[in-house]
Each structure stands twice: as C-alpha cells, then as structure tokens.
Amino acid sequence: MSMHPQPETDSVAFDFRALGERERYKLMIGTIVPRPIALVTTVDPQGRVNAAPFSFFNCLSADPPILALGVENHADMSFKDTAQNIRLTEVFTVNIVSHAIAEGMHVCAADFPSGHDELAAAGFTAVAGVKVASPWIREAPAAFECRRHLTLELGKSRQIILGEIVYAHYRANVVDAERLHVDPVRLDAIARLGGSTCATIRDRFDMPTPTFAEWSALSRPTEKAG
C-alpha cells in the first residue's frame, strides 16, 4: 500500500508525547466513538452496593468471554469504589444502558459519598446475582455477571480490569433464545461520544464482509465488446 503525503493545510497533527493528560483525553474521547456504556454494579465486603457508569468499556474475547473496563483513580490516586470493590471481592456486574434508563445511569455518575446507594437514588431495582455477589439491575436490557480475570495497572492513575463473563441476564423480548440473536432495536443501547454528549444507535445499515471471490468479481474491469 502506497502512502501519499498530504499538504499541511489538509491535516492537523498532534505529538501525543508532548500533550498533557487532559489534552490526550479530549482528543481520544472525541475521536474513538461511539463507546458503549457499562453501568457497573459492585459490592463491598460488607455487602453494600455501588453503581457507576464507565464508557472506557468493550468486549475483547469470546473464548474465554472477556470484557474490559478502564477505571480511573481519584485525583489523589486513591481507588474509586468500583475498583476497590472489585479488588476486594473479585466480582462485578456490567449492566447495559438503554435509552430508557439513561437518566438513571446519569444519576449514578454523580459523586455520591462512599457507601451511598446509587441504585436507590436512581430508582433502579437491584436483583441478587446468580454466580456473583454483585447484583444486576432489573431495568437494564441486559447484564453480565463477571469474575475478575486480570487487572492491569497503567501507571498511578488508571486500571484496566478484565472480567470473565460467567452468567448473563436479558429482558425476554431482547434476545431470541433459540438463535441467540440480540435485537438491537429492543436493546436500544446508548453510546458515549465526546464530553457529555451521548448518542443512540437507532440509525443502522448492513454491510456484509465480501469473500475474496466476491470482491474480485466486483472489482474486475468490465471487458469492452470487440
């Protein structure tokens, strides 16, 4: 593949090693979009429930079934409740955020003092986990019970927490249990963009990946008649 230099007026470049943390953050969250939102529920060793949303979140593997959370520490580098609870209990639950529960998710993002019940404040219903101690949220369209698989410490400020999904809950009309097909319309998940901006995923289009043979047939120049 050939690379062609572009005139300076056509692009703006940034040396990430010369930027500050906040500057890198603004460029990354504004560009790497849309990002799914995980409303994570955990419990502390005394059984008190915590809930907090994270948009540094995605799935990484199906075998084993691994998802990842990026959890930033407080400004003084102490752990947030989510990270501390996962460290102590080894479990957490990821609740998918639909448009219907977006406002409640937003309430859970507030800086409640440690030990405050965010789920009650948001009007959510906590349901006991089947395989893990952390509850799932009844109002969520889907939820994954997870056990901590691995934690990566990225300097002092952030952890990447990998969790293995051990159990899943779906609202009955969201998934076809026979075909294991999740209906994106009924899931109605929202995504995070830059800053405080969120988006729905209601505009969709299908784009099947072609085989090499299909691509070759489509890209072969049409022969002119003699």
Protein backbone atom coordinates (compact mmCIF):
# COMPACT_ATOMS: atom_id res chain seq x y z
CA MET A 1 0.00 0.00 0.00
CA SER A 2 1.48 3.34 -1.00
CA MET A 3 1.35 6.34 1.32
CA HIS A 4 0.98 9.84 -0.08
CA PRO A 5 1.97 12.87 1.97
CA GLN A 6 -0.82 15.42 2.37
CA PRO A 7 -0.36 19.19 2.19
CA GLU A 8 -0.07 20.74 5.62
CA THR A 9 -3.32 22.66 5.11
CA ASP A 10 -5.26 19.37 4.80
CA SER A 11 -4.49 17.99 8.26
CA VAL A 12 -3.65 18.87 11.84
CA ALA A 13 -1.18 16.67 13.72
CA PHE A 14 -0.50 16.16 17.44
CA ASP A 15 2.53 14.64 19.13
CA PHE A 16 0.82 12.67 21.93
CA ARG A 17 4.02 12.52 23.96
CA ALA A 18 4.09 16.30 24.05
CA LEU A 19 0.47 16.66 25.18
CA GLY A 20 -0.83 16.71 28.72
CA GLU A 21 -3.12 14.01 30.09
CA ARG A 22 -6.26 16.14 29.74
CA GLU A 23 -5.36 17.12 26.18
CA ARG A 24 -4.86 13.48 25.16
CA TYR A 25 -8.12 12.56 26.88
CA LYS A 26 -10.13 15.17 24.96
CA LEU A 27 -8.78 14.06 21.60
CA MET A 28 -9.28 10.37 22.32
CA ILE A 29 -12.83 10.51 23.67
CA GLY A 30 -13.88 12.85 20.88
CA THR A 31 -12.49 10.59 18.18
CA ILE A 32 -12.85 6.99 19.37
CA VAL A 33 -16.64 6.91 19.14
CA PRO A 34 -19.20 5.64 19.78
CA ARG A 35 -18.25 3.87 23.01
CA PRO A 36 -20.69 1.57 24.82
CA ILE A 37 -21.57 2.45 28.40
CA ALA A 38 -21.23 -0.08 31.21
CA LEU A 39 -23.26 0.65 34.32
CA VAL A 40 -21.16 -1.39 36.75
CA THR A 41 -22.58 -2.73 39.98
CA THR A 42 -20.29 -3.98 42.75
CA VAL A 43 -20.50 -4.74 46.45
CA ASP A 44 -18.03 -4.06 49.22
CA PRO A 45 -17.06 -6.78 51.75
CA GLN A 46 -19.96 -5.65 53.96
CA GLY A 47 -22.44 -6.19 51.10
CA ARG A 48 -23.12 -2.52 50.38
CA VAL A 49 -23.93 -1.94 46.71
CA ASN A 50 -22.21 0.61 44.48
CA ALA A 51 -23.15 1.57 40.91
CA ALA A 52 -21.16 3.71 38.48
CA PRO A 53 -21.06 4.14 34.67
CA PHE A 54 -17.92 3.70 32.56
CA SER A 55 -17.52 4.39 28.86
CA PHE A 56 -13.97 3.04 28.66
CA PHE A 57 -15.55 -0.38 28.13
CA ASN A 58 -15.77 -3.09 25.48
CA CYS A 59 -15.58 -6.84 24.80
CA LEU A 60 -12.21 -8.35 23.95
CA SER A 61 -12.68 -12.11 23.60
CA ALA A 62 -15.36 -14.79 23.32
CA ASP A 63 -13.13 -17.74 24.27
CA PRO A 64 -12.76 -17.08 27.13
CA PRO A 65 -15.59 -14.48 27.29
CA ILE A 66 -13.69 -11.39 28.40
CA LEU A 67 -14.75 -7.77 28.67
CA ALA A 68 -12.66 -4.80 29.78
CA LEU A 69 -13.23 -1.75 31.95
CA GLY A 70 -10.97 1.27 32.14
CA VAL A 71 -11.30 2.71 35.67
CA GLU A 72 -9.58 5.97 36.56
CA ASN A 73 -8.45 6.64 40.11
CA HIS A 74 -9.39 9.70 42.13
CA ALA A 75 -7.23 12.82 41.78
CA ASP A 76 -5.25 11.78 44.88
CA MET A 77 -4.67 8.35 43.20
CA SER A 78 -6.92 6.52 45.67
CA PHE A 79 -9.21 3.86 44.20
CA LYS A 80 -12.78 4.64 43.24
CA ASP A 81 -15.39 2.46 44.91
CA THR A 82 -15.78 0.29 41.79
CA ALA A 83 -12.07 -0.53 41.58
CA GLN A 84 -11.75 -1.01 45.34
CA ASN A 85 -14.76 -3.34 45.50
CA ILE A 86 -13.55 -5.43 42.56
CA ARG A 87 -10.12 -5.67 44.17
CA LEU A 88 -11.63 -6.94 47.43
CA THR A 89 -14.45 -9.17 46.14
CA GLU A 90 -13.13 -10.23 42.70
CA VAL A 91 -16.56 -9.79 41.07
CA PHE A 92 -18.66 -7.17 39.30
CA THR A 93 -21.70 -6.91 37.03
CA VAL A 94 -21.93 -4.92 33.80
CA ASN A 95 -25.41 -3.61 33.06
CA ILE A 96 -26.01 -2.39 29.50
CA VAL A 97 -27.50 1.11 29.36
CA SER A 98 -30.57 1.53 27.18
CA HIS A 99 -32.16 4.86 26.27
CA ALA A 100 -34.93 4.12 28.77
CA ILE A 101 -32.52 4.02 31.74
CA ALA A 102 -30.13 6.74 30.55
CA GLU A 103 -31.32 9.28 33.11
CA GLY A 104 -30.90 6.80 35.93
CA MET A 105 -27.39 5.99 34.69
CA HIS A 106 -26.66 9.72 34.78
CA VAL A 107 -27.73 9.85 38.44
CA CYS A 108 -25.29 7.02 39.23
CA ALA A 109 -22.48 9.12 37.72
CA ALA A 110 -22.83 11.77 40.45
CA ASP A 111 -20.08 11.92 43.07
CA PHE A 112 -22.05 10.32 45.89
CA PRO A 113 -20.11 9.74 49.12
CA SER A 114 -18.78 6.23 49.65
CA GLY A 115 -21.45 3.86 50.93
CA HIS A 116 -24.39 5.78 49.40
CA ASP A 117 -26.89 3.61 47.48
CA GLU A 118 -26.75 4.96 43.93
CA LEU A 119 -29.28 2.39 42.68
CA ALA A 120 -31.91 3.58 45.14
CA ALA A 121 -31.21 7.21 44.24
CA ALA A 122 -31.64 6.38 40.54
CA GLY A 123 -34.84 4.40 41.11
CA PHE A 124 -33.31 1.13 39.94
CA THR A 125 -34.11 -2.33 41.28
CA ALA A 126 -31.17 -4.46 42.47
CA VAL A 127 -31.59 -8.20 41.84
CA ALA A 128 -29.27 -10.71 43.52
CA GLY A 129 -26.62 -12.18 41.25
CA VAL A 130 -26.73 -15.89 40.44
CA LYS A 131 -23.00 -16.60 40.24
CA VAL A 132 -21.53 -13.48 41.86
CA ALA A 133 -22.23 -11.34 44.91
CA SER A 134 -22.84 -8.14 42.95
CA PRO A 135 -26.45 -7.53 41.85
CA TRP A 136 -27.80 -6.85 38.38
CA ILE A 137 -30.26 -4.11 37.53
CA ARG A 138 -33.75 -5.31 36.64
CA GLU A 139 -34.44 -2.28 34.43
CA ALA A 140 -31.37 -2.91 32.24
CA PRO A 141 -31.99 -4.70 28.91
CA ALA A 142 -29.00 -7.00 29.54
CA ALA A 143 -26.44 -7.64 32.26
CA PHE A 144 -23.25 -9.69 32.55
CA GLU A 145 -22.11 -11.19 35.83
CA CYS A 146 -18.28 -11.21 35.82
CA ARG A 147 -15.36 -12.53 37.82
CA ARG A 148 -12.14 -10.55 37.72
CA HIS A 149 -9.76 -12.22 35.29
CA LEU A 150 -6.82 -9.81 35.34
CA THR A 151 -6.06 -6.24 36.37
CA LEU A 152 -3.51 -4.13 34.52
CA GLU A 153 -2.08 -1.17 36.41
CA LEU A 154 -1.38 1.69 33.98
CA GLY A 155 0.84 3.97 35.99
CA LYS A 156 -0.73 5.54 39.08
CA SER A 157 -3.91 6.88 37.50
CA ARG A 158 -5.78 4.04 35.83
CA GLN A 159 -6.53 0.34 35.88
CA ILE A 160 -7.73 -1.89 33.06
CA ILE A 161 -9.91 -4.56 34.65
CA LEU A 162 -10.57 -7.68 32.59
CA GLY A 163 -13.60 -9.68 33.64
CA GLU A 164 -14.74 -13.13 32.58
CA ILE A 165 -18.48 -13.30 31.94
CA VAL A 166 -19.92 -16.19 33.94
CA TYR A 167 -23.66 -15.51 33.65
CA ALA A 168 -25.92 -13.26 31.59
CA HIS A 169 -29.40 -11.80 32.03
CA TYR A 170 -31.58 -10.47 29.20
CA ARG A 171 -35.01 -8.96 29.13
CA ALA A 172 -37.11 -11.64 27.41
CA ASN A 173 -38.03 -9.56 24.35
CA VAL A 174 -34.41 -8.54 23.70
CA VAL A 175 -32.94 -11.93 22.75
CA ASP A 176 -34.10 -14.87 20.67
CA ALA A 177 -33.09 -17.72 22.98
CA GLU A 178 -33.12 -20.27 20.14
CA ARG A 179 -30.95 -18.34 17.66
CA LEU A 180 -29.06 -16.33 20.30
CA HIS A 181 -29.85 -13.21 18.27
CA VAL A 182 -29.95 -9.95 20.22
CA ASP A 183 -32.43 -7.45 18.78
CA PRO A 184 -30.63 -4.09 18.57
CA VAL A 185 -33.94 -2.24 18.37
CA ARG A 186 -35.20 -3.68 21.64
CA LEU A 187 -31.79 -3.46 23.29
CA ASP A 188 -31.81 0.26 22.34
CA ALA A 189 -28.35 0.83 23.83
CA ILE A 190 -26.87 4.29 24.02
CA ALA A 191 -23.24 5.24 23.45
CA ARG A 192 -20.87 7.91 24.70
CA LEU A 193 -19.29 10.50 22.42
CA GLY A 194 -17.01 13.34 23.49
CA GLY A 195 -17.65 15.43 26.59
CA SER A 196 -21.18 14.99 27.94
CA THR A 197 -22.63 14.02 24.57
CA CYS A 198 -24.33 10.65 24.16
CA ALA A 199 -25.97 9.01 21.15
CA THR A 200 -28.46 6.32 20.29
CA ILE A 201 -27.66 3.59 17.76
CA ARG A 202 -31.01 3.75 16.01
CA ASP A 203 -29.60 4.53 12.55
CA ARG A 204 -28.17 1.28 11.19
CA PHE A 205 -27.16 -0.32 7.91
CA ASP A 206 -25.98 -3.80 6.92
CA MET A 207 -22.61 -4.23 5.23
CA PRO A 208 -21.69 -7.94 4.86
CA THR A 209 -17.96 -8.66 4.53
CA PRO A 210 -17.28 -9.96 0.99
CA THR A 211 -15.27 -13.06 0.23
CA PHE A 212 -12.18 -12.60 -1.91
CA ALA A 213 -14.03 -14.17 -4.84
CA GLU A 214 -16.91 -11.71 -4.46
CA TRP A 215 -14.53 -8.77 -4.21
CA SER A 216 -12.61 -9.95 -7.28
CA ALA A 217 -15.82 -10.26 -9.31
CA LEU A 218 -16.98 -6.81 -8.33
CA SER A 219 -13.63 -5.09 -8.85
CA ARG A 220 -12.70 -6.74 -12.18
CA PRO A 221 -12.92 -4.15 -15.01
CA THR A 222 -15.74 -4.79 -17.45
CA GLU A 223 -14.41 -6.07 -20.75
CA LYS A 224 -15.32 -3.95 -23.74
CA ALA A 225 -17.12 -5.61 -26.61
CA GLY A 226 -14.91 -6.24 -29.70
